[in-house]
Amino acid sequence: MGKKTAADYVRKWTKAGKVKKKCCRSKSRCRKCPVLALKRAKIKVAAKQAA
């Protein structure tokens, strides 16, 4: 299998119900926000590449 990108992680988390499909922007970036999930995933991918 190929390398996982940040978008792959977010897609997986969305299917698992941990992330919403769209950002609601009503709250100040809730925990299920896809925008913040993508940011977390990018950090995770960078950490795996560094290790």
C-alpha atoms as a PDB file:
ATOM      1  CA  MET A   1       0.000   0.000   0.000  1.00  0.00           C
ATOM      2  CA  GLY A   2       1.143   3.581  -0.630  1.00  0.00           C
ATOM      3  CA  LYS A   3       1.947   6.274   1.855  1.00  0.00           C
ATOM      4  CA  LYS A   4      -0.988   7.747   3.704  1.00  0.00           C
ATOM      5  CA  THR A   5      -1.673  11.407   3.199  1.00  0.00           C
ATOM      6  CA  ALA A   6      -3.353  13.742   5.648  1.00  0.00           C
ATOM      7  CA  ALA A   7      -6.555  13.581   3.597  1.00  0.00           C
ATOM      8  CA  ASP A   8      -6.575   9.779   3.927  1.00  0.00           C
ATOM      9  CA  TYR A   9      -6.557  10.065   7.706  1.00  0.00           C
ATOM     10  CA  VAL A  10      -9.369  12.632   7.709  1.00  0.00           C
ATOM     11  CA  ARG A  11     -11.429  10.428   5.360  1.00  0.00           C
ATOM     12  CA  LYS A  12     -10.932   7.490   7.718  1.00  0.00           C
ATOM     13  CA  TRP A  13     -11.904   9.571  10.776  1.00  0.00           C
ATOM     14  CA  THR A  14     -15.001  10.876   8.958  1.00  0.00           C
ATOM     15  CA  LYS A  15     -16.196   7.352   8.156  1.00  0.00           C
ATOM     16  CA  ALA A  16     -15.605   6.381  11.795  1.00  0.00           C
ATOM     17  CA  GLY A  17     -17.782   9.302  12.918  1.00  0.00           C
ATOM     18  CA  LYS A  18     -14.979  11.173  14.674  1.00  0.00           C
ATOM     19  CA  VAL A  19     -15.045  14.104  12.221  1.00  0.00           C
ATOM     20  CA  LYS A  20     -17.970  15.904  10.593  1.00  0.00           C
ATOM     21  CA  LYS A  21     -18.232  16.272   6.819  1.00  0.00           C
ATOM     22  CA  LYS A  22     -18.471  20.057   6.870  1.00  0.00           C
ATOM     23  CA  CYS A  23     -17.236  22.768   9.180  1.00  0.00           C
ATOM     24  CA  CYS A  24     -20.205  24.435  10.857  1.00  0.00           C
ATOM     25  CA  ARG A  25     -18.253  27.560  11.913  1.00  0.00           C
ATOM     26  CA  SER A  26     -20.980  28.265  14.453  1.00  0.00           C
ATOM     27  CA  LYS A  27     -18.802  27.266  17.374  1.00  0.00           C
ATOM     28  CA  SER A  28     -15.220  28.271  17.717  1.00  0.00           C
ATOM     29  CA  ARG A  29     -13.869  25.271  15.797  1.00  0.00           C
ATOM     30  CA  CYS A  30     -15.367  22.301  17.592  1.00  0.00           C
ATOM     31  CA  ARG A  31     -13.463  19.071  18.222  1.00  0.00           C
ATOM     32  CA  LYS A  32     -15.117  17.351  15.225  1.00  0.00           C
ATOM     33  CA  CYS A  33     -14.170  20.124  12.812  1.00  0.00           C
ATOM     34  CA  PRO A  34     -12.725  18.792   9.525  1.00  0.00           C
ATOM     35  CA  VAL A  35     -10.472  21.853   9.218  1.00  0.00           C
ATOM     36  CA  LEU A  36      -8.780  21.112  12.538  1.00  0.00           C
ATOM     37  CA  ALA A  37      -8.749  17.382  11.770  1.00  0.00           C
ATOM     38  CA  LEU A  38      -6.791  18.071   8.594  1.00  0.00           C
ATOM     39  CA  LYS A  39      -4.329  20.167  10.596  1.00  0.00           C
ATOM     40  CA  ARG A  40      -3.893  17.330  13.132  1.00  0.00           C
ATOM     41  CA  ALA A  41      -3.465  14.803  10.330  1.00  0.00           C
ATOM     42  CA  LYS A  42      -0.756  16.902   8.667  1.00  0.00           C
ATOM     43  CA  ILE A  43       1.161  16.968  11.952  1.00  0.00           C
ATOM     44  CA  LYS A  44       0.742  13.175  12.249  1.00  0.00           C
ATOM     45  CA  VAL A  45       2.034  12.595   8.706  1.00  0.00           C
ATOM     46  CA  ALA A  46       5.008  14.904   9.278  1.00  0.00           C
ATOM     47  CA  ALA A  47       5.876  13.089  12.505  1.00  0.00           C
ATOM     48  CA  LYS A  48       5.795   9.717  10.748  1.00  0.00           C
ATOM     49  CA  GLN A  49       8.057  10.977   7.966  1.00  0.00           C
ATOM     50  CA  ALA A  50      10.538  12.413  10.475  1.00  0.00           C
ATOM     51  CA  ALA A  51      10.730   9.139  12.396  1.00  0.00           C
END
